[in-house]
């Protein structure tokens, strides 16, 4: 039984292949929300495409948003684009350029190994870096929040309806 299991493991390992991307070329499009009146958090979105010298179409990518915080990067088959997004409250949002390190499977393994060994993860070389610029939030639009206006309008409608009902009842 052990011999059969050993042969099966060796046989299945021969079908597993790892594709590596060297010298990737990256095209990045970024977006950040800026309106403090319409949201309570800043949304960061980075869309990017990766072209490898080896002709690899799809990679498993992982993004380090903050030191020690790794998330998987989404892939869109329709347009061969990758996307990573996150949000932060306005008070803790970084104004200026945020550098997001992107790792492939090999880089993620090295990153996790560095974490386990209590070594610096900043020494692990990423596959690529994506720069996201956020100019800061601004107070566009109304001076009061829309939720407050909705409550005031609802109270006015209720008061007017109640006043008309009492006039009709007289």
C-alpha atoms as a PDB file:
ATOM      1  CA  UNK A   1       0.000   0.000   0.000  1.00  0.00           C
ATOM      2  CA  UNK A   2       2.855   2.400   0.839  1.00  0.00           C
ATOM      3  CA  UNK A   3       4.555   1.620  -2.436  1.00  0.00           C
ATOM      4  CA  UNK A   4       1.362   2.405  -4.363  1.00  0.00           C
ATOM      5  CA  UNK A   5       0.923   5.654  -2.437  1.00  0.00           C
ATOM      6  CA  UNK A   6       4.554   6.656  -3.086  1.00  0.00           C
ATOM      7  CA  UNK A   7       4.209   5.981  -6.809  1.00  0.00           C
ATOM      8  CA  UNK A   8       0.956   7.975  -6.908  1.00  0.00           C
ATOM      9  CA  UNK A   9       2.588  10.961  -5.174  1.00  0.00           C
ATOM     10  CA  UNK A  10       5.585  10.926  -7.525  1.00  0.00           C
ATOM     11  CA  UNK A  11       3.343  10.528 -10.570  1.00  0.00           C
ATOM     12  CA  UNK A  12       1.036  13.395  -9.551  1.00  0.00           C
ATOM     13  CA  UNK A  13       3.980  15.667  -8.726  1.00  0.00           C
ATOM     14  CA  UNK A  14       5.189  15.343 -12.303  1.00  0.00           C
ATOM     15  CA  UNK A  15       1.988  17.042 -13.539  1.00  0.00           C
ATOM     16  CA  UNK A  16       2.300  20.036 -11.226  1.00  0.00           C
ATOM     17  CA  UNK A  17       4.141  22.876 -12.832  1.00  0.00           C
ATOM     18  CA  UNK A  18       4.843  26.316 -11.554  1.00  0.00           C
ATOM     19  CA  UNK A  19       4.982  29.158 -14.025  1.00  0.00           C
ATOM     20  CA  UNK A  20       7.259  32.025 -13.231  1.00  0.00           C
ATOM     21  CA  UNK A  21       7.074  35.531 -14.602  1.00  0.00           C
ATOM     22  CA  UNK A  22      10.306  37.438 -15.011  1.00  0.00           C
ATOM     23  CA  UNK A  23      10.517  41.122 -15.901  1.00  0.00           C
ATOM     24  CA  UNK A  24       6.775  41.858 -15.988  1.00  0.00           C
ATOM     25  CA  UNK A  25       5.506  44.952 -17.748  1.00  0.00           C
ATOM     26  CA  UNK A  26       2.609  46.584 -15.924  1.00  0.00           C
ATOM     27  CA  UNK A  27      -0.063  49.096 -16.969  1.00  0.00           C
ATOM     28  CA  UNK A  28      -1.880  50.579 -13.956  1.00  0.00           C
ATOM     29  CA  UNK A  29      -5.106  52.584 -13.604  1.00  0.00           C
ATOM     30  CA  UNK A  30      -6.050  53.775 -10.112  1.00  0.00           C
ATOM     31  CA  UNK A  31      -9.024  55.437  -8.459  1.00  0.00           C
ATOM     32  CA  UNK A  32      -9.692  56.819  -4.993  1.00  0.00           C
ATOM     33  CA  UNK A  33     -12.889  58.360  -3.673  1.00  0.00           C
ATOM     34  CA  UNK A  34     -12.546  61.968  -2.588  1.00  0.00           C
ATOM     35  CA  UNK A  35     -15.926  63.180  -1.369  1.00  0.00           C
ATOM     36  CA  UNK A  36     -16.362  63.401   2.377  1.00  0.00           C
ATOM     37  CA  UNK A  37     -20.057  64.274   1.971  1.00  0.00           C
ATOM     38  CA  UNK A  38     -20.986  61.097   0.099  1.00  0.00           C
ATOM     39  CA  UNK A  39     -19.061  58.464   2.058  1.00  0.00           C
ATOM     40  CA  UNK A  40     -17.507  57.721   5.411  1.00  0.00           C
ATOM     41  CA  UNK A  41     -14.493  55.896   3.986  1.00  0.00           C
ATOM     42  CA  UNK A  42     -11.943  56.339   1.238  1.00  0.00           C
ATOM     43  CA  UNK A  43     -12.055  53.617  -1.403  1.00  0.00           C
ATOM     44  CA  UNK A  44      -8.844  52.682  -3.170  1.00  0.00           C
ATOM     45  CA  UNK A  45      -9.017  50.733  -6.442  1.00  0.00           C
ATOM     46  CA  UNK A  46      -6.074  49.632  -8.572  1.00  0.00           C
ATOM     47  CA  UNK A  47      -6.695  47.970 -11.948  1.00  0.00           C
ATOM     48  CA  UNK A  48      -3.635  46.673 -13.718  1.00  0.00           C
ATOM     49  CA  UNK A  49      -2.547  44.346 -16.467  1.00  0.00           C
ATOM     50  CA  UNK A  50       0.616  42.248 -16.369  1.00  0.00           C
ATOM     51  CA  UNK A  51       2.487  41.041 -19.430  1.00  0.00           C
ATOM     52  CA  UNK A  52       5.218  38.484 -18.897  1.00  0.00           C
ATOM     53  CA  UNK A  53       8.159  37.817 -21.156  1.00  0.00           C
ATOM     54  CA  UNK A  54       7.263  34.097 -20.991  1.00  0.00           C
ATOM     55  CA  UNK A  55       3.752  34.702 -22.355  1.00  0.00           C
ATOM     56  CA  UNK A  56       1.895  33.634 -19.205  1.00  0.00           C
ATOM     57  CA  UNK A  57      -1.713  34.824 -19.332  1.00  0.00           C
ATOM     58  CA  UNK A  58      -2.932  34.311 -15.767  1.00  0.00           C
ATOM     59  CA  UNK A  59      -0.999  34.473 -12.507  1.00  0.00           C
ATOM     60  CA  UNK A  60      -2.079  34.003  -8.913  1.00  0.00           C
ATOM     61  CA  UNK A  61      -1.229  37.354  -7.363  1.00  0.00           C
ATOM     62  CA  UNK A  62      -1.382  38.629  -3.792  1.00  0.00           C
ATOM     63  CA  UNK A  63      -1.156  42.240  -2.613  1.00  0.00           C
ATOM     64  CA  UNK A  64       0.357  43.598   0.592  1.00  0.00           C
ATOM     65  CA  UNK A  65      -1.874  46.535   1.513  1.00  0.00           C
ATOM     66  CA  UNK A  66      -0.142  47.201   4.833  1.00  0.00           C
ATOM     67  CA  UNK A  67       2.821  45.445   6.418  1.00  0.00           C
ATOM     68  CA  UNK A  68       1.608  41.960   7.375  1.00  0.00           C
ATOM     69  CA  UNK A  69      -1.769  42.302   5.603  1.00  0.00           C
ATOM     70  CA  UNK A  70      -1.898  40.209   2.405  1.00  0.00           C
ATOM     71  CA  UNK A  71      -5.034  39.859   0.249  1.00  0.00           C
ATOM     72  CA  UNK A  72      -5.598  37.940  -2.992  1.00  0.00           C
ATOM     73  CA  UNK A  73      -5.806  39.987  -6.174  1.00  0.00           C
ATOM     74  CA  UNK A  74      -8.941  39.521  -8.284  1.00  0.00           C
ATOM     75  CA  UNK A  75      -8.596  38.536 -11.945  1.00  0.00           C
ATOM     76  CA  UNK A  76     -11.066  39.390 -14.722  1.00  0.00           C
ATOM     77  CA  UNK A  77     -11.006  36.857 -17.575  1.00  0.00           C
ATOM     78  CA  UNK A  78     -12.935  39.164 -19.907  1.00  0.00           C
ATOM     79  CA  UNK A  79     -10.196  41.776 -20.227  1.00  0.00           C
ATOM     80  CA  UNK A  80      -7.144  40.081 -18.636  1.00  0.00           C
ATOM     81  CA  UNK A  81      -7.048  42.680 -15.859  1.00  0.00           C
ATOM     82  CA  UNK A  82      -6.177  42.317 -12.191  1.00  0.00           C
ATOM     83  CA  UNK A  83      -7.827  44.375  -9.472  1.00  0.00           C
ATOM     84  CA  UNK A  84      -7.150  45.029  -5.825  1.00  0.00           C
ATOM     85  CA  UNK A  85      -9.333  47.295  -3.713  1.00  0.00           C
ATOM     86  CA  UNK A  86      -9.665  48.304  -0.090  1.00  0.00           C
ATOM     87  CA  UNK A  87     -11.124  51.078   2.019  1.00  0.00           C
ATOM     88  CA  UNK A  88     -10.134  53.075   5.075  1.00  0.00           C
ATOM     89  CA  UNK A  89     -11.913  55.647   7.240  1.00  0.00           C
ATOM     90  CA  UNK A  90     -11.215  59.244   6.237  1.00  0.00           C
ATOM     91  CA  UNK A  91      -9.222  59.890   9.416  1.00  0.00           C
ATOM     92  CA  UNK A  92      -6.746  57.048   8.798  1.00  0.00           C
ATOM     93  CA  UNK A  93      -6.547  57.305   4.995  1.00  0.00           C
ATOM     94  CA  UNK A  94      -3.102  58.023   3.640  1.00  0.00           C
ATOM     95  CA  UNK A  95      -2.824  61.261   1.674  1.00  0.00           C
ATOM     96  CA  UNK A  96      -0.274  60.925  -1.089  1.00  0.00           C
ATOM     97  CA  UNK A  97       1.169  57.834  -2.725  1.00  0.00           C
ATOM     98  CA  UNK A  98       0.598  54.365  -1.310  1.00  0.00           C
ATOM     99  CA  UNK A  99       2.868  51.616  -2.566  1.00  0.00           C
ATOM    100  CA  UNK A 100       1.223  48.203  -2.859  1.00  0.00           C
ATOM    101  CA  UNK A 101       3.618  45.280  -3.208  1.00  0.00           C
ATOM    102  CA  UNK A 102       2.285  42.448  -5.381  1.00  0.00           C
ATOM    103  CA  UNK A 103       3.589  38.885  -5.022  1.00  0.00           C
ATOM    104  CA  UNK A 104       3.178  35.736  -7.077  1.00  0.00           C
ATOM    105  CA  UNK A 105       3.012  32.247  -5.490  1.00  0.00           C
ATOM    106  CA  UNK A 106       6.775  32.021  -4.978  1.00  0.00           C
ATOM    107  CA  UNK A 107       6.937  35.494  -3.478  1.00  0.00           C
ATOM    108  CA  UNK A 108       4.026  34.735  -1.142  1.00  0.00           C
ATOM    109  CA  UNK A 109       5.803  31.598   0.072  1.00  0.00           C
ATOM    110  CA  UNK A 110       8.941  33.615   0.789  1.00  0.00           C
ATOM    111  CA  UNK A 111       6.829  36.286   2.533  1.00  0.00           C
ATOM    112  CA  UNK A 112       5.096  33.717   4.773  1.00  0.00           C
ATOM    113  CA  UNK A 113       8.444  32.071   5.544  1.00  0.00           C
ATOM    114  CA  UNK A 114       9.879  35.425   6.608  1.00  0.00           C
ATOM    115  CA  UNK A 115       6.846  35.974   8.854  1.00  0.00           C
ATOM    116  CA  UNK A 116       7.224  32.533  10.468  1.00  0.00           C
ATOM    117  CA  UNK A 117      10.928  33.123  11.122  1.00  0.00           C
ATOM    118  CA  UNK A 118      10.268  36.623  12.542  1.00  0.00           C
ATOM    119  CA  UNK A 119      12.375  38.180   9.810  1.00  0.00           C
ATOM    120  CA  UNK A 120      11.629  41.423   8.044  1.00  0.00           C
ATOM    121  CA  UNK A 121       9.058  40.960   5.277  1.00  0.00           C
ATOM    122  CA  UNK A 122      10.295  44.146   3.598  1.00  0.00           C
ATOM    123  CA  UNK A 123      13.337  42.184   2.418  1.00  0.00           C
ATOM    124  CA  UNK A 124      11.158  39.861   0.330  1.00  0.00           C
ATOM    125  CA  UNK A 125      11.281  41.047  -3.283  1.00  0.00           C
ATOM    126  CA  UNK A 126       7.800  41.546  -4.829  1.00  0.00           C
ATOM    127  CA  UNK A 127       6.940  40.636  -8.410  1.00  0.00           C
ATOM    128  CA  UNK A 128       5.835  44.240  -8.965  1.00  0.00           C
ATOM    129  CA  UNK A 129       4.758  47.397  -7.163  1.00  0.00           C
ATOM    130  CA  UNK A 130       1.581  49.366  -7.791  1.00  0.00           C
ATOM    131  CA  UNK A 131       1.483  53.026  -6.779  1.00  0.00           C
ATOM    132  CA  UNK A 132      -1.915  54.466  -5.783  1.00  0.00           C
ATOM    133  CA  UNK A 133      -2.173  58.244  -5.342  1.00  0.00           C
ATOM    134  CA  UNK A 134      -4.854  59.752  -3.102  1.00  0.00           C
ATOM    135  CA  UNK A 135      -5.012  63.571  -3.066  1.00  0.00           C
ATOM    136  CA  UNK A 136      -7.122  63.683   0.105  1.00  0.00           C
ATOM    137  CA  UNK A 137     -10.808  64.210   0.750  1.00  0.00           C
ATOM    138  CA  UNK A 138     -12.727  67.370  -0.003  1.00  0.00           C
ATOM    139  CA  UNK A 139     -16.030  68.749   1.090  1.00  0.00           C
ATOM    140  CA  UNK A 140     -17.911  68.942  -2.192  1.00  0.00           C
ATOM    141  CA  UNK A 141     -21.599  69.588  -2.483  1.00  0.00           C
ATOM    142  CA  UNK A 142     -23.930  70.429   0.382  1.00  0.00           C
ATOM    143  CA  UNK A 143     -22.915  71.861   3.745  1.00  0.00           C
ATOM    144  CA  UNK A 144     -24.991  69.272   5.604  1.00  0.00           C
ATOM    145  CA  UNK A 145     -25.075  65.534   5.145  1.00  0.00           C
ATOM    146  CA  UNK A 146     -27.799  64.080   2.939  1.00  0.00           C
ATOM    147  CA  UNK A 147     -29.052  61.848   5.762  1.00  0.00           C
ATOM    148  CA  UNK A 148     -29.851  64.938   7.817  1.00  0.00           C
ATOM    149  CA  UNK A 149     -31.734  66.506   4.900  1.00  0.00           C
ATOM    150  CA  UNK A 150     -33.767  63.312   4.426  1.00  0.00           C
ATOM    151  CA  UNK A 151     -34.818  63.334   8.091  1.00  0.00           C
ATOM    152  CA  UNK A 152     -35.759  67.041   7.942  1.00  0.00           C
ATOM    153  CA  UNK A 153     -37.858  66.505   4.792  1.00  0.00           C
ATOM    154  CA  UNK A 154     -39.578  63.471   6.350  1.00  0.00           C
ATOM    155  CA  UNK A 155     -40.412  65.483   9.486  1.00  0.00           C
ATOM    156  CA  UNK A 156     -41.770  68.366   7.365  1.00  0.00           C
ATOM    157  CA  UNK A 157     -43.980  65.999   5.371  1.00  0.00           C
ATOM    158  CA  UNK A 158     -45.259  64.402   8.582  1.00  0.00           C
ATOM    159  CA  UNK A 159     -45.915  67.806  10.194  1.00  0.00           C
ATOM    160  CA  UNK A 160     -47.762  69.101   7.108  1.00  0.00           C
ATOM    161  CA  UNK A 161     -49.844  65.941   6.879  1.00  0.00           C
ATOM    162  CA  UNK A 162     -50.690  66.100  10.565  1.00  0.00           C
ATOM    163  CA  UNK A 163     -51.609  69.821  10.282  1.00  0.00           C
ATOM    164  CA  UNK A 164     -53.913  69.197   7.301  1.00  0.00           C
ATOM    165  CA  UNK A 165     -55.557  66.281   9.086  1.00  0.00           C
ATOM    166  CA  UNK A 166     -56.315  68.422  12.150  1.00  0.00           C
ATOM    167  CA  UNK A 167     -57.772  71.167   9.878  1.00  0.00           C
ATOM    168  CA  UNK A 168     -60.013  68.631   8.155  1.00  0.00           C
ATOM    169  CA  UNK A 169     -61.156  67.188  11.487  1.00  0.00           C
ATOM    170  CA  UNK A 170     -62.333  70.631  12.747  1.00  0.00           C
END
